[in-house]
Amino acid sequence: TQPYGLLHGGASAVLAETLGSVGAMLHGGSSKIAVGVDLNCTHHRGVRSGLVTGVATPVHRGRSTATYEIVISDEQDRRVSSARLTCMLRPAAPGAVAP
């Protein structure tokens, strides 16, 4: 939480980037790595307690980039944050093992 007891916007951004990056990684497959190049977050309401849920939906899945819209909602299914993440898909290093 931030000093006022609300879910920190940075925590929402971390969740959004994690979900979008996993989507981009799955899209790119084992021959590519996903590197975040743009993250935009809008925070709509504060959350003081409970759980939040994030859902990443692909907007664009190309050969060199992947963009996801991520919606973070509270337990009453109210939108807390909206985010958009674009990842660059780069070739994995030869011989590297994907995590």
Protein backbone atom coordinates (compact mmCIF):
# COMPACT_ATOMS: atom_id res chain seq x y z
CA THR A 1 0.00 0.00 0.00
CA GLN A 2 1.00 3.62 -0.33
CA PRO A 3 1.03 6.01 2.67
CA TYR A 4 -2.77 6.59 2.52
CA GLY A 5 -3.52 2.87 2.87
CA LEU A 6 -4.52 2.32 -0.76
CA LEU A 7 -3.17 -0.25 -3.19
CA HIS A 8 -0.01 1.33 -4.59
CA GLY A 9 -0.22 2.23 -8.28
CA GLY A 10 3.22 0.73 -8.72
CA ALA A 11 1.92 -2.63 -7.47
CA SER A 12 -0.85 -2.48 -10.08
CA ALA A 13 1.76 -1.65 -12.73
CA VAL A 14 3.93 -4.60 -11.66
CA LEU A 15 0.94 -6.96 -11.88
CA ALA A 16 -0.02 -5.58 -15.30
CA GLU A 17 3.50 -5.86 -16.71
CA THR A 18 3.91 -9.37 -15.34
CA LEU A 19 0.65 -10.60 -16.90
CA GLY A 20 1.30 -8.95 -20.27
CA SER A 21 4.90 -10.18 -20.35
CA VAL A 22 3.81 -13.76 -19.68
CA GLY A 23 1.30 -13.48 -22.54
CA ALA A 24 3.99 -12.10 -24.85
CA MET A 25 6.41 -14.83 -23.79
CA LEU A 26 3.86 -17.54 -24.51
CA HIS A 27 3.11 -15.96 -27.90
CA GLY A 28 6.80 -15.69 -28.80
CA GLY A 29 7.56 -19.28 -27.86
CA SER A 30 10.91 -20.71 -26.86
CA SER A 31 12.79 -19.04 -29.73
CA LYS A 32 11.99 -15.50 -28.50
CA ILE A 33 12.27 -13.44 -25.33
CA ALA A 34 9.74 -10.73 -24.44
CA VAL A 35 11.11 -7.33 -23.41
CA GLY A 36 8.69 -4.65 -22.20
CA VAL A 37 9.09 -1.40 -24.16
CA ASP A 38 5.94 0.56 -23.22
CA LEU A 39 3.63 0.42 -20.21
CA ASN A 40 0.70 2.77 -19.68
CA CYS A 41 -1.50 2.53 -16.59
CA THR A 42 -4.64 4.40 -15.60
CA HIS A 43 -5.88 4.00 -12.03
CA HIS A 44 -9.66 4.31 -11.69
CA ARG A 45 -10.42 3.62 -8.03
CA GLY A 46 -8.64 2.94 -4.77
CA VAL A 47 -8.55 -0.42 -3.01
CA ARG A 48 -7.95 -0.60 0.75
CA SER A 49 -8.37 -4.34 1.33
CA GLY A 50 -9.22 -7.63 -0.34
CA LEU A 51 -7.96 -9.22 -3.51
CA VAL A 52 -7.49 -7.83 -6.99
CA THR A 53 -7.55 -9.87 -10.19
CA GLY A 54 -5.74 -9.08 -13.42
CA VAL A 55 -6.72 -10.29 -16.89
CA ALA A 56 -4.47 -9.75 -19.92
CA THR A 57 -6.12 -9.74 -23.35
CA PRO A 58 -4.04 -9.63 -26.54
CA VAL A 59 -4.52 -6.56 -28.71
CA HIS A 60 -1.75 -7.37 -31.22
CA ARG A 61 0.41 -10.48 -31.58
CA GLY A 62 2.98 -9.99 -34.32
CA ARG A 63 6.40 -11.35 -35.22
CA SER A 64 8.38 -8.62 -33.45
CA THR A 65 5.93 -7.07 -30.97
CA ALA A 66 2.99 -8.11 -28.80
CA THR A 67 0.56 -5.72 -27.10
CA TYR A 68 -1.82 -6.64 -24.28
CA GLU A 69 -4.61 -4.79 -22.49
CA ILE A 70 -4.64 -5.65 -18.81
CA VAL A 71 -7.68 -4.99 -16.61
CA ILE A 72 -7.29 -5.15 -12.84
CA SER A 73 -10.55 -5.55 -10.89
CA ASP A 74 -11.52 -5.72 -7.24
CA GLU A 75 -13.60 -8.43 -5.55
CA GLN A 76 -16.83 -6.72 -6.65
CA ASP A 77 -15.60 -6.90 -10.28
CA ARG A 78 -15.13 -3.11 -10.40
CA ARG A 79 -12.27 -1.89 -12.57
CA VAL A 80 -9.39 -0.67 -10.45
CA SER A 81 -6.80 -0.09 -13.20
CA SER A 82 -6.47 -0.36 -16.95
CA ALA A 83 -3.07 -0.90 -18.54
CA ARG A 84 -1.56 -1.47 -21.94
CA LEU A 85 1.79 -3.20 -22.37
CA THR A 86 3.83 -3.59 -25.53
CA CYS A 87 6.69 -6.08 -25.57
CA MET A 88 9.38 -6.43 -28.18
CA LEU A 89 9.98 -10.05 -29.15
CA ARG A 90 13.71 -10.62 -29.55
CA PRO A 91 15.49 -13.77 -30.64
CA ALA A 92 16.61 -15.86 -27.69
CA ALA A 93 20.38 -16.22 -27.34
CA PRO A 94 21.68 -19.38 -29.05
CA GLY A 95 21.85 -22.21 -26.55
CA ALA A 96 19.86 -20.29 -23.94
CA VAL A 97 17.25 -22.19 -21.99
CA ALA A 98 13.85 -20.51 -21.61
CA PRO A 99 12.66 -20.23 -17.97
